[in-house]
C-alpha atoms as a PDB file:
ATOM      1  CA  MET A   1      21.332  -8.747  10.409  1.00  0.00           C
ATOM      2  CA  LYS A   2      21.449  -5.132   9.181  1.00  0.00           C
ATOM      3  CA  ARG A   3      20.919  -6.279   5.579  1.00  0.00           C
ATOM      4  CA  ILE A   4      17.844  -8.256   6.567  1.00  0.00           C
ATOM      5  CA  THR A   5      16.435  -5.284   8.501  1.00  0.00           C
ATOM      6  CA  LEU A   6      17.114  -2.900   5.626  1.00  0.00           C
ATOM      7  CA  ALA A   7      15.551  -5.283   3.103  1.00  0.00           C
ATOM      8  CA  PHE A   8      12.545  -5.741   5.392  1.00  0.00           C
ATOM      9  CA  CYS A   9      12.089  -1.952   5.760  1.00  0.00           C
ATOM     10  CA  LEU A  10      12.414  -1.390   2.021  1.00  0.00           C
ATOM     11  CA  GLY A  11       9.852  -4.130   1.428  1.00  0.00           C
ATOM     12  CA  LEU A  12       7.416  -2.445   3.820  1.00  0.00           C
ATOM     13  CA  ILE A  13       7.943   0.912   2.131  1.00  0.00           C
ATOM     14  CA  LEU A  14       7.222  -0.635  -1.266  1.00  0.00           C
ATOM     15  CA  ILE A  15       4.031  -2.258   0.064  1.00  0.00           C
ATOM     16  CA  VAL A  16       2.842   1.064   1.534  1.00  0.00           C
ATOM     17  CA  MET A  17       3.649   2.925  -1.706  1.00  0.00           C
ATOM     18  CA  VAL A  18       1.768   0.401  -3.834  1.00  0.00           C
ATOM     19  CA  ALA A  19      -1.173   0.376  -1.410  1.00  0.00           C
ATOM     20  CA  CYS A  20      -1.345   4.186  -1.499  1.00  0.00           C
ATOM     21  CA  SER A  21      -1.004   4.500  -5.270  1.00  0.00           C
ATOM     22  CA  GLY A  22      -4.737   4.220  -5.804  1.00  0.00           C
ATOM     23  CA  ARG A  23      -5.695   6.446  -2.888  1.00  0.00           C
ATOM     24  CA  ASN A  24      -8.089   9.306  -3.235  1.00  0.00           C
ATOM     25  CA  ASP A  25      -7.093  11.347  -0.183  1.00  0.00           C
ATOM     26  CA  GLY A  26      -5.538  14.372  -1.875  1.00  0.00           C
ATOM     27  CA  GLY A  27      -2.076  12.911  -2.370  1.00  0.00           C
ATOM     28  CA  ALA A  28      -1.195  12.864  -6.056  1.00  0.00           C
ATOM     29  CA  ILE A  29       1.292  10.234  -7.072  1.00  0.00           C
ATOM     30  CA  ILE A  30       3.408  11.089 -10.088  1.00  0.00           C
ATOM     31  CA  GLY A  31       4.729   8.026 -11.872  1.00  0.00           C
ATOM     32  CA  ASP A  32       4.163   4.361 -11.110  1.00  0.00           C
ATOM     33  CA  SER A  33       5.431   3.679  -7.581  1.00  0.00           C
ATOM     34  CA  ALA A  34       6.527   0.139  -8.487  1.00  0.00           C
ATOM     35  CA  ASP A  35       8.581   1.444 -11.418  1.00  0.00           C
ATOM     36  CA  SER A  36       9.980   4.256  -9.284  1.00  0.00           C
ATOM     37  CA  GLU A  37      11.092   1.773  -6.636  1.00  0.00           C
ATOM     38  CA  LYS A  38      12.926  -0.353  -9.225  1.00  0.00           C
ATOM     39  CA  GLU A  39      14.699   2.723 -10.601  1.00  0.00           C
ATOM     40  CA  ASN A  40      15.623   3.982  -7.127  1.00  0.00           C
ATOM     41  CA  THR A  41      18.780   1.890  -6.930  1.00  0.00           C
ATOM     42  CA  GLN A  42      22.042   2.563  -5.134  1.00  0.00           C
ATOM     43  CA  ASN A  43      22.722   5.371  -7.627  1.00  0.00           C
ATOM     44  CA  TYR A  44      19.742   7.449  -6.442  1.00  0.00           C
ATOM     45  CA  GLN A  45      19.012   9.306  -3.215  1.00  0.00           C
ATOM     46  CA  SER A  46      15.560  10.019  -1.882  1.00  0.00           C
ATOM     47  CA  ILE A  47      14.725  13.649  -1.047  1.00  0.00           C
ATOM     48  CA  LYS A  48      11.713  14.124   1.228  1.00  0.00           C
ATOM     49  CA  THR A  49       9.937  17.317   2.240  1.00  0.00           C
ATOM     50  CA  ASP A  50       6.504  17.955   3.726  1.00  0.00           C
ATOM     51  CA  THR A  51       5.291  18.780   0.204  1.00  0.00           C
ATOM     52  CA  TYR A  52       6.939  16.217  -2.063  1.00  0.00           C
ATOM     53  CA  GLU A  53       9.278  13.264  -2.324  1.00  0.00           C
ATOM     54  CA  ILE A  54      11.673  12.744  -5.222  1.00  0.00           C
ATOM     55  CA  SER A  55      14.671  10.577  -6.112  1.00  0.00           C
ATOM     56  CA  ILE A  56      17.742  12.077  -7.752  1.00  0.00           C
ATOM     57  CA  PRO A  57      21.113  10.613  -8.744  1.00  0.00           C
ATOM     58  CA  THR A  58      23.601  10.501  -5.854  1.00  0.00           C
ATOM     59  CA  GLU A  59      26.137  12.633  -7.733  1.00  0.00           C
ATOM     60  CA  LEU A  60      23.729  15.588  -7.560  1.00  0.00           C
ATOM     61  CA  GLU A  61      23.478  18.001  -4.636  1.00  0.00           C
ATOM     62  CA  THR A  62      20.434  19.997  -3.545  1.00  0.00           C
ATOM     63  CA  LYS A  63      19.816  23.359  -1.949  1.00  0.00           C
ATOM     64  CA  PHE A  64      16.427  24.112  -0.399  1.00  0.00           C
ATOM     65  CA  LEU A  65      14.739  27.485  -0.381  1.00  0.00           C
ATOM     66  CA  GLU A  66      12.225  28.808   2.178  1.00  0.00           C
ATOM     67  CA  ASP A  67       9.108  27.674   0.298  1.00  0.00           C
ATOM     68  CA  SER A  68      10.290  24.034  -0.121  1.00  0.00           C
ATOM     69  CA  SER A  69      11.564  24.854  -3.593  1.00  0.00           C
ATOM     70  CA  MET A  70      14.787  23.072  -4.437  1.00  0.00           C
ATOM     71  CA  GLN A  71      17.784  23.807  -6.623  1.00  0.00           C
ATOM     72  CA  ILE A  72      19.735  20.863  -8.069  1.00  0.00           C
ATOM     73  CA  TYR A  73      23.500  21.080  -8.651  1.00  0.00           C
ATOM     74  CA  LYS A  74      26.240  18.986 -10.189  1.00  0.00           C
ATOM     75  CA  ASN A  75      29.826  20.017  -9.422  1.00  0.00           C
ATOM     76  CA  ASN A  76      28.565  23.345  -8.010  1.00  0.00           C
ATOM     77  CA  ILE A  77      26.701  24.209 -11.249  1.00  0.00           C
ATOM     78  CA  GLN A  78      22.919  24.486 -11.102  1.00  0.00           C
ATOM     79  CA  ILE A  79      21.418  22.024 -13.572  1.00  0.00           C
ATOM     80  CA  GLY A  80      17.779  22.162 -12.488  1.00  0.00           C
ATOM     81  CA  GLY A  81      15.332  22.565  -9.689  1.00  0.00           C
ATOM     82  CA  LEU A  82      11.813  22.276  -8.426  1.00  0.00           C
ATOM     83  CA  ASP A  83       9.840  25.477  -7.858  1.00  0.00           C
ATOM     84  CA  ILE A  84       6.429  25.868  -6.270  1.00  0.00           C
ATOM     85  CA  ILE A  85       4.577  28.630  -8.087  1.00  0.00           C
ATOM     86  CA  THR A  86       1.121  30.224  -8.062  1.00  0.00           C
ATOM     87  CA  TYR A  87      -1.314  28.976 -10.696  1.00  0.00           C
ATOM     88  CA  ASP A  88      -4.628  30.519 -11.747  1.00  0.00           C
ATOM     89  CA  SER A  89      -6.871  27.707 -12.999  1.00  0.00           C
ATOM     90  CA  SER A  90      -9.009  30.180 -14.957  1.00  0.00           C
ATOM     91  CA  GLN A  91      -5.981  30.999 -17.154  1.00  0.00           C
ATOM     92  CA  PRO A  92      -4.232  28.740 -19.699  1.00  0.00           C
ATOM     93  CA  ILE A  93      -1.082  26.785 -18.833  1.00  0.00           C
ATOM     94  CA  GLU A  94       0.958  29.339 -20.792  1.00  0.00           C
ATOM     95  CA  GLN A  95       0.834  31.599 -17.713  1.00  0.00           C
ATOM     96  CA  LEU A  96       3.622  29.383 -16.331  1.00  0.00           C
ATOM     97  CA  TYR A  97       5.864  29.729 -19.371  1.00  0.00           C
ATOM     98  CA  LEU A  98       9.174  31.494 -18.980  1.00  0.00           C
ATOM     99  CA  ASN A  99      10.010  35.025 -20.094  1.00  0.00           C
ATOM    100  CA  HIS A 100      12.582  35.316 -22.882  1.00  0.00           C
ATOM    101  CA  SER A 101      11.835  31.811 -24.111  1.00  0.00           C
ATOM    102  CA  GLU A 102      10.651  29.961 -27.159  1.00  0.00           C
ATOM    103  CA  VAL A 103       8.515  26.839 -26.776  1.00  0.00           C
ATOM    104  CA  ILE A 104      10.030  23.940 -28.714  1.00  0.00           C
ATOM    105  CA  SER A 105       7.391  21.420 -27.734  1.00  0.00           C
ATOM    106  CA  SER A 106       4.518  21.124 -25.281  1.00  0.00           C
ATOM    107  CA  GLU A 107       2.461  18.107 -24.330  1.00  0.00           C
ATOM    108  CA  LYS A 108      -0.102  17.214 -21.721  1.00  0.00           C
ATOM    109  CA  ILE A 109       1.020  14.178 -19.732  1.00  0.00           C
ATOM    110  CA  LYS A 110      -1.727  11.593 -19.522  1.00  0.00           C
ATOM    111  CA  ASP A 111      -2.492   8.878 -16.971  1.00  0.00           C
ATOM    112  CA  LEU A 112      -1.535  10.908 -13.893  1.00  0.00           C
ATOM    113  CA  THR A 113      -3.739  11.801 -10.962  1.00  0.00           C
ATOM    114  CA  THR A 114      -3.055  15.498 -11.447  1.00  0.00           C
ATOM    115  CA  GLU A 115      -3.034  17.798 -14.471  1.00  0.00           C
ATOM    116  CA  SER A 116       0.535  17.699 -15.818  1.00  0.00           C
ATOM    117  CA  TYR A 117       2.533  19.069 -18.747  1.00  0.00           C
ATOM    118  CA  LYS A 118       5.989  18.629 -20.252  1.00  0.00           C
ATOM    119  CA  VAL A 119       7.339  21.717 -22.034  1.00  0.00           C
ATOM    120  CA  ASN A 120      10.703  22.158 -23.770  1.00  0.00           C
ATOM    121  CA  PHE A 121      12.024  25.722 -24.013  1.00  0.00           C
ATOM    122  CA  ILE A 122      14.944  27.544 -25.555  1.00  0.00           C
ATOM    123  CA  LEU A 123      15.863  30.391 -23.220  1.00  0.00           C
ATOM    124  CA  THR A 124      17.476  33.513 -24.606  1.00  0.00           C
ATOM    125  CA  PRO A 125      19.024  36.083 -22.301  1.00  0.00           C
ATOM    126  CA  PRO A 126      17.441  39.562 -22.174  1.00  0.00           C
ATOM    127  CA  ALA A 127      19.009  42.074 -24.571  1.00  0.00           C
ATOM    128  CA  ALA A 128      20.436  43.999 -21.608  1.00  0.00           C
ATOM    129  CA  GLU A 129      22.702  41.068 -20.737  1.00  0.00           C
ATOM    130  CA  LYS A 130      24.516  41.372 -24.088  1.00  0.00           C
ATOM    131  CA  SER A 131      24.889  37.607 -24.317  1.00  0.00           C
ATOM    132  CA  SER A 132      23.720  35.349 -27.111  1.00  0.00           C
ATOM    133  CA  THR A 133      24.036  32.048 -25.256  1.00  0.00           C
ATOM    134  CA  GLU A 134      20.834  30.027 -25.553  1.00  0.00           C
ATOM    135  CA  ILE A 135      19.914  27.353 -23.020  1.00  0.00           C
ATOM    136  CA  GLU A 136      17.524  24.479 -23.633  1.00  0.00           C
ATOM    137  CA  GLN A 137      15.399  23.468 -20.653  1.00  0.00           C
ATOM    138  CA  VAL A 138      12.661  20.927 -20.053  1.00  0.00           C
ATOM    139  CA  HIS A 139       9.944  21.770 -17.530  1.00  0.00           C
ATOM    140  CA  TYR A 140       7.436  19.366 -15.999  1.00  0.00           C
ATOM    141  CA  TYR A 141       4.450  21.260 -14.583  1.00  0.00           C
ATOM    142  CA  PHE A 142       2.265  19.434 -12.040  1.00  0.00           C
ATOM    143  CA  ILE A 143      -0.911  21.414 -11.268  1.00  0.00           C
ATOM    144  CA  ILE A 144      -2.367  21.147  -7.764  1.00  0.00           C
ATOM    145  CA  GLU A 145      -5.354  23.445  -7.152  1.00  0.00           C
ATOM    146  CA  ASN A 146      -3.920  27.006  -7.158  1.00  0.00           C
ATOM    147  CA  LYS A 147      -0.255  25.948  -7.251  1.00  0.00           C
ATOM    148  CA  ALA A 148       2.075  24.270  -9.714  1.00  0.00           C
ATOM    149  CA  LEU A 149       5.213  22.290  -9.079  1.00  0.00           C
ATOM    150  CA  ASP A 150       7.727  23.158 -11.800  1.00  0.00           C
ATOM    151  CA  LEU A 151      10.426  20.483 -12.102  1.00  0.00           C
ATOM    152  CA  TYR A 152      13.005  21.697 -14.601  1.00  0.00           C
ATOM    153  CA  PHE A 153      16.438  20.831 -15.995  1.00  0.00           C
ATOM    154  CA  ASP A 154      19.028  22.290 -18.344  1.00  0.00           C
ATOM    155  CA  THR A 155      19.023  19.548 -20.984  1.00  0.00           C
ATOM    156  CA  GLY A 156      22.634  20.248 -21.941  1.00  0.00           C
ATOM    157  CA  LEU A 157      23.822  19.354 -18.423  1.00  0.00           C
ATOM    158  CA  ILE A 158      21.878  16.187 -17.578  1.00  0.00           C
ATOM    159  CA  ASP A 159      20.903  13.096 -19.538  1.00  0.00           C
ATOM    160  CA  GLU A 160      17.287  12.829 -20.798  1.00  0.00           C
ATOM    161  CA  ASN A 161      17.017   9.338 -19.290  1.00  0.00           C
ATOM    162  CA  ALA A 162      17.964  10.673 -15.845  1.00  0.00           C
ATOM    163  CA  ILE A 163      15.484  13.542 -16.225  1.00  0.00           C
ATOM    164  CA  GLN A 164      12.651  11.112 -16.969  1.00  0.00           C
ATOM    165  CA  LYS A 165      13.570   8.872 -14.007  1.00  0.00           C
ATOM    166  CA  ILE A 166      13.604  11.873 -11.681  1.00  0.00           C
ATOM    167  CA  ALA A 167      10.250  13.160 -13.021  1.00  0.00           C
ATOM    168  CA  LYS A 168       8.648   9.706 -12.659  1.00  0.00           C
ATOM    169  CA  SER A 169       9.853   9.452  -9.053  1.00  0.00           C
ATOM    170  CA  LEU A 170       8.042  12.629  -7.922  1.00  0.00           C
ATOM    171  CA  ILE A 171       5.351  12.058  -5.330  1.00  0.00           C
ATOM    172  CA  ILE A 172       3.290  15.052  -4.270  1.00  0.00           C
ATOM    173  CA  ARG A 173       2.647  14.354  -0.617  1.00  0.00           C
ATOM    174  CA  LEU A 174      -0.059  16.724   0.605  1.00  0.00           C
ATOM    175  CA  TYR A 175      -1.903  19.442  -1.241  1.00  0.00           C
ATOM    176  CA  HIS A 176      -2.364  21.657   1.810  1.00  0.00           C
ATOM    177  CA  ASN A 177       1.406  21.857   2.333  1.00  0.00           C
ATOM    178  CA  ILE A 178       1.961  23.543  -1.026  1.00  0.00           C
END
């Protein structure tokens, strides 16, 4: 009986997600909800806040900050996160780029309901840290009015396939909550 109820509830959720995917009420949907549902198998957990919803692999842990930002960990090592940052639409996207970094590649993501970018960086520590360890990160920037959601990962600590699945699962729930 519990399996039937769970399957029924999941079916209703899928119907609601598909029905809302074409909505024009201020909720931006990142990724195809039907594809996201297929990828959200037993190996993924759904994280829901007032601002966004996202699916991440079950082996990852999360820590939430006061502004709904999230840090993502694997075995107590931070591998990524999702930050909510201020964005000035009169300035170029480069205003969001990281200090002490080199852009490897940058592309505008098409076919989304919100302005979005994927940027790969090599981060170098400041000279004061006396370290030469470089870190490669990928950042997905989703622009919503005067804010940006910055979903990022250390590419040396998580598989590119998993990163893409997580990015495609992101649903920005309500603009006014950001």
